[in-house]
N, C-alpha and C. Protein backbone atom coordinates (compact mmCIF):
# COMPACT_ATOMS: atom_id res chain seq x y z
N MET A 1 160.00 92.34 138.25
CA MET A 1 158.30 91.65 138.43
C MET A 1 157.40 92.23 138.03
N LYS A 2 156.95 93.60 138.25
CA LYS A 2 156.05 94.51 138.46
C LYS A 2 155.96 95.05 136.56
N GLN A 3 157.26 94.52 135.96
CA GLN A 3 157.30 94.94 134.79
C GLN A 3 156.25 93.79 133.72
N SER A 4 157.18 92.61 134.49
CA SER A 4 156.85 91.13 133.85
C SER A 4 155.31 91.37 133.53
N LEU A 5 154.61 91.74 134.97
CA LEU A 5 152.94 91.48 135.13
C LEU A 5 152.47 92.39 134.26
N LEU A 6 152.89 93.50 133.87
CA LEU A 6 152.27 94.83 133.28
C LEU A 6 152.65 94.04 132.11
N VAL A 7 153.51 93.66 130.98
CA VAL A 7 153.98 93.45 130.18
C VAL A 7 152.79 92.23 129.59
N VAL A 8 152.62 91.30 130.73
CA VAL A 8 151.70 90.16 130.94
C VAL A 8 150.01 90.69 130.57
N GLY A 9 149.89 91.42 131.88
CA GLY A 9 148.64 92.46 131.57
C GLY A 9 148.08 92.97 130.20
N VAL A 10 149.04 93.82 129.41
CA VAL A 10 148.64 94.97 128.06
C VAL A 10 149.22 93.26 127.19
N ALA A 11 149.54 92.24 127.25
CA ALA A 11 149.24 91.17 126.15
C ALA A 11 147.97 90.82 126.13
N ALA A 12 147.31 90.42 127.06
CA ALA A 12 146.08 89.91 127.54
C ALA A 12 145.32 90.93 127.59
N ALA A 13 145.53 91.94 127.77
CA ALA A 13 144.01 92.39 127.08
C ALA A 13 144.29 93.19 125.65
N LEU A 14 144.98 92.94 125.15
CA LEU A 14 145.15 92.90 123.66
C LEU A 14 144.45 92.10 122.52
N MET A 15 145.32 91.18 123.55
CA MET A 15 144.49 89.77 123.05
C MET A 15 142.79 89.90 123.56
N VAL A 16 142.57 90.13 124.23
CA VAL A 16 140.70 90.14 124.20
C VAL A 16 140.10 91.39 123.54
N ALA A 17 141.00 92.43 123.75
CA ALA A 17 140.41 92.99 122.73
C ALA A 17 139.56 93.15 121.06
N TRP A 18 141.45 92.29 120.55
CA TRP A 18 141.10 91.70 119.20
C TRP A 18 140.25 90.52 119.25
N SER A 19 139.80 89.47 120.25
CA SER A 19 139.00 88.67 119.51
C SER A 19 137.42 89.37 119.58
N VAL A 20 137.39 90.21 120.67
CA VAL A 20 135.53 91.19 120.44
C VAL A 20 135.98 91.45 119.12
N GLY A 21 136.72 92.44 118.40
CA GLY A 21 136.63 92.93 117.84
C GLY A 21 136.17 92.44 116.39
N ARG A 22 136.49 91.15 116.73
CA ARG A 22 137.26 90.25 115.72
C ARG A 22 135.54 89.23 115.06
N VAL A 23 134.66 88.96 117.03
CA VAL A 23 133.55 88.25 117.10
C VAL A 23 132.22 89.43 116.43
N GLN A 24 132.81 91.11 116.34
CA GLN A 24 131.81 92.02 116.52
C GLN A 24 131.97 91.35 114.61
N GLY A 25 132.92 91.81 114.30
CA GLY A 25 133.01 92.05 112.73
C GLY A 25 131.99 90.38 112.31
N LYS A 26 132.27 89.12 112.91
CA LYS A 26 131.27 88.37 112.49
C LYS A 26 130.14 88.41 112.71
N GLU A 27 129.88 89.51 113.63
CA GLU A 27 128.03 89.13 113.14
C GLU A 27 127.41 90.56 112.66
N GLY A 28 128.56 91.89 112.20
CA GLY A 28 128.31 92.43 111.76
C GLY A 28 127.57 91.88 110.24
N GLN A 29 128.63 91.33 110.12
CA GLN A 29 128.00 90.42 108.77
C GLN A 29 127.03 89.52 108.38
N ALA A 30 126.44 88.88 110.04
CA ALA A 30 125.13 88.77 110.24
C ALA A 30 123.61 89.27 110.16
N GLU A 31 124.13 90.71 110.24
CA GLU A 31 123.03 91.33 110.21
C GLU A 31 122.73 91.72 108.74
N LYS A 32 124.18 91.95 107.94
CA LYS A 32 123.51 92.12 106.91
C LYS A 32 122.09 91.60 106.32
N VAL A 33 121.68 92.19 105.54
CA VAL A 33 120.79 91.90 104.21
C VAL A 33 120.30 91.07 103.50
N VAL A 34 119.99 90.22 103.13
CA VAL A 34 119.98 89.01 101.72
C VAL A 34 118.92 88.56 101.19
N PHE A 35 118.98 89.14 99.55
CA PHE A 35 117.97 89.09 99.20
C PHE A 35 118.94 88.00 97.75
N VAL A 36 117.87 87.06 97.57
CA VAL A 36 117.62 86.02 96.30
C VAL A 36 116.96 85.93 96.09
N SER A 37 116.58 86.01 94.95
CA SER A 37 115.16 85.35 94.32
C SER A 37 115.40 84.04 93.60
N ALA A 38 114.09 83.45 93.60
CA ALA A 38 114.51 81.82 93.31
C ALA A 38 114.75 81.75 91.36
N GLY A 39 114.06 82.62 91.05
CA GLY A 39 113.98 82.33 89.78
C GLY A 39 115.16 83.75 88.70
N GLN A 40 115.95 83.41 89.94
CA GLN A 40 116.99 84.29 89.41
C GLN A 40 118.20 84.30 89.92
N ALA A 41 118.38 82.90 90.86
CA ALA A 41 119.37 82.38 91.27
C ALA A 41 120.25 81.22 90.54
N ASN A 42 121.56 81.56 90.61
CA ASN A 42 122.72 80.86 90.30
C ASN A 42 123.00 79.65 90.65
N TYR A 43 122.29 78.69 90.16
CA TYR A 43 122.21 77.16 89.99
C TYR A 43 123.49 76.25 89.70
N ASN A 44 123.59 75.34 90.77
CA ASN A 44 124.85 74.68 89.82
C ASN A 44 124.28 73.27 89.75
N THR A 45 124.60 72.39 89.00
CA THR A 45 123.45 71.27 88.64
C THR A 45 124.81 69.39 89.09
N MET A 46 123.90 69.15 90.48
CA MET A 46 124.72 68.08 90.36
C MET A 46 125.41 67.06 89.50
N HIS A 47 126.06 65.78 89.12
CA HIS A 47 125.46 64.68 88.59
C HIS A 47 124.05 63.54 88.45
N ASN A 48 123.32 63.82 89.49
CA ASN A 48 122.01 63.23 89.65
C ASN A 48 121.12 64.06 89.03
N GLY A 49 121.01 65.47 88.91
CA GLY A 49 120.22 66.32 88.07
C GLY A 49 119.14 67.18 88.79
N VAL A 50 119.71 67.35 90.11
CA VAL A 50 119.49 67.54 91.70
C VAL A 50 120.27 69.20 91.07
N SER A 51 119.76 70.53 91.64
CA SER A 51 120.81 71.35 91.12
C SER A 51 120.39 72.42 92.36
N MET A 52 121.55 73.17 92.81
CA MET A 52 121.58 73.79 94.64
C MET A 52 121.93 75.24 93.82
N ALA A 53 121.57 76.33 94.50
CA ALA A 53 121.56 78.24 94.54
C ALA A 53 121.89 78.64 95.98
N ALA A 54 123.65 78.44 96.10
CA ALA A 54 124.10 79.28 97.45
C ALA A 54 123.19 80.73 97.72
N THR A 55 121.81 80.75 98.94
CA THR A 55 121.84 81.86 100.11
C THR A 55 122.74 82.64 100.37
N TRP A 56 123.10 81.19 101.11
CA TRP A 56 123.91 82.00 102.61
C TRP A 56 124.44 80.28 102.76
N GLY A 57 125.93 80.99 103.16
CA GLY A 57 126.61 79.84 103.67
C GLY A 57 127.40 78.30 102.91
N ASP A 58 127.26 77.70 102.92
CA ASP A 58 127.72 76.96 102.16
C ASP A 58 127.90 75.13 102.39
N ALA A 59 126.46 74.98 101.78
CA ALA A 59 126.06 73.77 102.12
C ALA A 59 127.68 72.56 102.40
N ASN A 60 128.79 72.44 101.42
CA ASN A 60 129.97 71.99 101.58
C ASN A 60 130.33 72.07 102.66
N THR A 61 130.77 73.31 103.49
CA THR A 61 131.30 73.09 104.66
C THR A 61 131.16 73.48 105.77
N GLY A 62 129.35 73.50 106.29
CA GLY A 62 128.45 73.84 107.10
C GLY A 62 126.83 74.52 107.17
N PRO A 63 126.92 75.29 108.41
CA PRO A 63 125.39 75.84 108.23
C PRO A 63 125.29 76.86 106.80
N HIS A 64 124.18 76.76 106.36
CA HIS A 64 123.83 77.22 105.26
C HIS A 64 121.89 77.37 104.63
N GLY A 65 121.71 78.00 104.34
CA GLY A 65 120.67 77.96 103.09
C GLY A 65 120.61 78.13 101.43
N THR A 66 119.93 77.13 100.76
CA THR A 66 119.79 77.31 99.27
C THR A 66 118.63 76.85 98.52
N PHE A 67 118.65 77.12 97.58
CA PHE A 67 117.46 76.98 96.81
C PHE A 67 117.79 75.67 95.99
N THR A 68 116.89 74.75 95.78
CA THR A 68 117.17 73.57 95.73
C THR A 68 116.00 73.14 94.52
N LYS A 69 116.08 72.43 93.28
CA LYS A 69 115.45 72.15 92.40
C LYS A 69 116.16 70.40 92.36
N PHE A 70 114.59 70.15 92.71
CA PHE A 70 114.61 68.54 91.85
C PHE A 70 114.29 68.05 90.50
N PRO A 71 114.53 67.15 90.01
CA PRO A 71 114.02 67.27 88.37
C PRO A 71 112.70 66.04 88.09
N ALA A 72 111.73 66.20 87.82
CA ALA A 72 110.53 65.34 88.19
C ALA A 72 110.59 64.50 87.86
N GLY A 73 110.33 63.44 89.01
CA GLY A 73 110.32 61.98 89.07
C GLY A 73 111.83 62.03 90.37
N TYR A 74 112.30 62.88 90.50
CA TYR A 74 113.66 62.64 90.86
C TYR A 74 113.18 61.62 92.32
N ASP A 75 114.35 60.36 92.36
CA ASP A 75 114.21 59.53 93.41
C ASP A 75 115.43 59.32 94.56
N ALA A 76 115.65 60.20 95.60
CA ALA A 76 116.59 60.34 96.34
C ALA A 76 116.81 58.91 97.06
N GLY A 77 115.73 57.96 97.56
CA GLY A 77 116.55 56.58 98.13
C GLY A 77 115.93 57.35 99.48
N MET A 78 115.66 56.27 100.20
CA MET A 78 116.03 55.85 101.90
C MET A 78 117.27 56.58 102.27
N HIS A 79 117.71 57.70 102.77
CA HIS A 79 118.49 58.29 103.84
C HIS A 79 118.64 58.76 104.65
N THR A 80 119.66 59.58 105.22
CA THR A 80 119.69 60.16 106.57
C THR A 80 120.55 61.46 105.91
N HIS A 81 120.39 62.49 107.16
CA HIS A 81 121.62 63.36 106.98
C HIS A 81 121.76 63.98 108.58
N THR A 82 123.11 63.64 108.45
CA THR A 82 123.75 64.15 109.83
C THR A 82 123.32 65.27 110.56
N ASN A 83 122.99 66.66 110.19
CA ASN A 83 122.39 67.58 110.51
C ASN A 83 121.03 67.55 110.43
N ASP A 84 120.26 68.62 110.94
CA ASP A 84 118.95 68.81 110.82
C ASP A 84 118.56 70.06 109.52
N VAL A 85 117.47 69.44 108.99
CA VAL A 85 117.43 70.42 107.80
C VAL A 85 115.82 70.65 107.31
N TRP A 86 115.96 71.74 106.90
CA TRP A 86 114.86 72.69 107.18
C TRP A 86 114.00 73.25 105.83
N ILE A 87 113.12 72.78 105.23
CA ILE A 87 112.56 72.84 103.74
C ILE A 87 111.15 73.57 103.58
N VAL A 88 111.23 74.30 102.86
CA VAL A 88 109.83 75.04 101.93
C VAL A 88 109.65 75.29 100.88
N GLY A 89 108.37 74.41 100.16
CA GLY A 89 108.41 74.36 99.10
C GLY A 89 107.94 76.08 98.39
N VAL A 90 108.67 76.05 97.66
CA VAL A 90 108.35 77.19 96.43
C VAL A 90 107.51 77.09 95.21
N LYS A 91 107.88 75.89 94.53
CA LYS A 91 107.23 75.16 93.19
C LYS A 91 107.13 73.22 93.36
N GLY A 92 106.18 73.44 92.89
CA GLY A 92 105.97 71.98 92.09
C GLY A 92 105.62 71.69 93.83
N ALA A 93 106.26 70.47 94.19
CA ALA A 93 105.77 69.23 95.63
C ALA A 93 107.39 68.28 95.84
N TYR A 94 107.88 68.93 97.00
CA TYR A 94 108.92 67.86 97.08
C TYR A 94 108.42 66.70 98.07
N LEU A 95 108.30 65.55 97.78
CA LEU A 95 108.16 64.46 98.39
C LEU A 95 108.82 64.11 99.51
N TYR A 96 108.37 63.26 100.60
CA TYR A 96 108.85 63.24 102.01
C TYR A 96 108.13 61.90 102.11
N LYS A 97 108.88 60.94 102.71
CA LYS A 97 108.17 59.36 103.30
C LYS A 97 109.00 59.23 104.43
N ASP A 98 108.75 58.28 105.91
CA ASP A 98 109.26 57.98 106.81
C ASP A 98 108.31 56.90 106.78
N ASP A 99 108.57 56.34 108.55
CA ASP A 99 108.04 55.56 109.09
C ASP A 99 106.42 56.05 109.61
N ALA A 100 105.85 57.61 109.72
CA ALA A 100 104.44 57.55 109.81
C ALA A 100 103.65 57.81 109.01
N GLY A 101 104.97 57.84 107.86
CA GLY A 101 103.75 58.48 106.28
C GLY A 101 104.29 59.10 105.65
N GLU A 102 103.49 59.38 104.29
CA GLU A 102 104.07 60.41 103.31
C GLU A 102 103.23 62.00 103.83
N LYS A 103 104.17 62.44 103.11
CA LYS A 103 103.75 64.23 102.89
C LYS A 103 104.64 64.66 101.78
N ARG A 104 103.56 65.84 101.24
CA ARG A 104 103.75 66.18 100.13
C ARG A 104 104.09 67.77 100.26
N VAL A 105 104.89 68.12 100.59
CA VAL A 105 105.57 69.79 100.98
C VAL A 105 105.22 70.66 99.40
N GLY A 106 104.01 71.30 99.64
CA GLY A 106 104.24 71.99 98.23
C GLY A 106 104.21 73.31 98.68
N ALA A 107 104.16 74.78 97.82
CA ALA A 107 104.42 75.81 97.58
C ALA A 107 104.15 76.45 99.09
N GLY A 108 104.78 77.38 100.26
CA GLY A 108 104.04 77.28 101.00
C GLY A 108 104.45 76.62 102.78
N ASP A 109 104.70 75.69 102.09
CA ASP A 109 104.57 74.63 103.55
C ASP A 109 105.36 74.41 103.68
N PHE A 110 106.09 73.72 105.16
CA PHE A 110 107.58 73.37 105.91
C PHE A 110 107.38 72.48 106.08
N LEU A 111 108.86 71.80 106.10
CA LEU A 111 109.04 70.39 106.84
C LEU A 111 110.34 70.22 107.58
N ARG A 112 110.57 69.91 108.67
CA ARG A 112 111.73 69.99 109.15
C ARG A 112 112.15 68.61 109.25
N VAL A 113 113.32 67.72 109.04
CA VAL A 113 113.61 66.63 109.14
C VAL A 113 115.12 66.87 110.44
N PRO A 114 115.12 66.32 111.50
CA PRO A 114 116.12 65.84 112.14
C PRO A 114 117.28 65.20 111.79
N GLY A 115 118.44 65.87 111.95
CA GLY A 115 119.43 64.95 112.03
C GLY A 115 119.63 63.11 112.49
N GLY A 116 120.28 62.76 111.97
CA GLY A 116 120.08 61.55 112.01
C GLY A 116 118.64 60.33 111.47
N HIS A 117 117.20 61.25 111.25
CA HIS A 117 115.86 60.33 111.29
C HIS A 117 116.25 60.01 109.61
N LYS A 118 115.90 58.57 109.69
CA LYS A 118 115.62 57.88 108.12
C LYS A 118 114.46 58.43 107.42
N HIS A 119 114.71 58.86 106.19
CA HIS A 119 113.35 58.74 105.25
C HIS A 119 113.56 58.85 103.41
N TRP A 120 112.95 58.89 103.09
CA TRP A 120 113.32 58.55 101.66
C TRP A 120 112.41 60.71 100.91
N SER A 121 113.16 60.82 99.82
CA SER A 121 112.28 62.33 99.37
C SER A 121 112.18 62.19 97.88
N GLY A 122 111.66 63.41 97.48
CA GLY A 122 112.05 63.39 95.84
C GLY A 122 110.96 64.15 96.10
N GLY A 123 111.02 64.17 94.27
CA GLY A 123 110.12 65.45 93.30
C GLY A 123 108.74 64.86 93.11
N ASP A 124 108.10 65.57 92.72
CA ASP A 124 107.11 65.60 91.95
C ASP A 124 106.95 64.77 90.85
N LYS A 125 105.87 63.25 90.07
CA LYS A 125 106.16 62.98 88.92
C LYS A 125 106.31 63.92 87.74
N LYS A 126 104.91 65.19 88.01
CA LYS A 126 104.98 66.18 86.78
C LYS A 126 105.65 67.22 86.49
N GLU A 127 106.16 67.99 88.04
CA GLU A 127 106.37 69.01 88.05
C GLU A 127 107.94 69.17 88.77
N GLY A 128 108.45 68.42 89.16
CA GLY A 128 109.31 68.43 90.14
C GLY A 128 109.65 69.00 91.72
N ALA A 129 110.43 69.64 91.91
CA ALA A 129 110.78 70.71 93.22
C ALA A 129 111.53 71.70 93.01
N LEU A 130 110.73 72.56 93.53
CA LEU A 130 111.24 73.96 94.00
C LEU A 130 111.14 73.94 95.69
N PHE A 131 112.45 74.58 95.90
CA PHE A 131 112.12 74.56 97.24
C PHE A 131 113.13 74.85 97.80
N TYR A 132 113.09 75.74 99.41
CA TYR A 132 114.09 76.88 100.20
C TYR A 132 115.17 76.02 101.37
N GLU A 133 115.12 75.08 101.01
CA GLU A 133 116.29 74.39 102.26
C GLU A 133 117.42 75.15 103.30
N GLU A 134 117.25 75.15 104.36
CA GLU A 134 118.57 75.46 105.42
C GLU A 134 118.67 74.23 106.10
N GLY A 135 120.46 74.36 106.60
CA GLY A 135 120.59 72.73 106.89
C GLY A 135 121.18 73.88 108.20
N SER A 136 121.36 73.03 109.75
CA SER A 136 122.06 73.25 110.69
C SER A 136 123.82 73.18 110.20
N GLY A 137 124.38 72.29 109.25
CA GLY A 137 125.36 72.76 108.93
C GLY A 137 125.84 71.80 108.24
N LYS A 138 127.11 70.66 107.43
CA LYS A 138 126.65 70.37 106.89
C LYS A 138 126.35 69.71 105.79
N PHE A 139 125.80 70.26 104.39
CA PHE A 139 125.17 68.46 103.49
C PHE A 139 125.58 67.62 103.56
N ASP A 140 125.11 66.61 104.20
CA ASP A 140 125.76 65.16 103.35
C ASP A 140 124.17 64.57 103.20
N LEU A 141 124.49 63.42 102.29
CA LEU A 141 123.33 62.70 102.04
C LEU A 141 123.41 61.12 102.25
N ILE A 142 123.69 60.79 103.53
CA ILE A 142 123.97 58.81 103.54
C ILE A 142 122.97 57.81 103.35
N PRO A 143 122.90 57.23 102.09
CA PRO A 143 122.26 56.03 101.64
C PRO A 143 122.37 55.08 102.79
N ALA A 144 120.99 55.47 103.69
CA ALA A 144 120.44 54.01 104.49
C ALA A 144 120.50 52.36 104.06
N LYS A 145 120.53 51.87 105.36
CA LYS A 145 120.74 50.22 105.04
C LYS A 145 119.89 49.64 105.20
C-alpha cells in the first residue's frame, strides 16, 4: 500500500514539474523581443486586395498582431468581429463608421473595436490605409445583416 502511494506521489510530482516547465517555456517565448518594420514586412495579399503581414501570433488561429494594408477606396461593408480588435494608424487613413459617427484613424491614431460591435471600415480614397492591428483572438469578418 505504501509503495503504491509512493508511485502515485512520484508520478503526480513529475506531471506537475513537466507542466511548470512547459508553462515557463511558453512564457520565455512571450518575453522575446519582436521587431518588424512595416516597410520590410512580408505581406500576403487576400482576394479582396487587402494584404496582411504577421508580426506575432497567427490571425487564422488566435491572438495576433499584423500590419494590414487597405487599398485606396477599399470598402469592407458593415460587419462585426468575434474578438476585440485594436488599431493604430501608420500611413494613409483607416476609415471607421458606427451608429455614433465616423472616425478617420490616421498615422498615430488609436481605435479599439469591441468584439460583436457592428461597424463599417475602409481605406482612404486616395492613400488607402496602412495600420497595425492586434486581435484578442482569431480574426474574422462577419457581414452585418
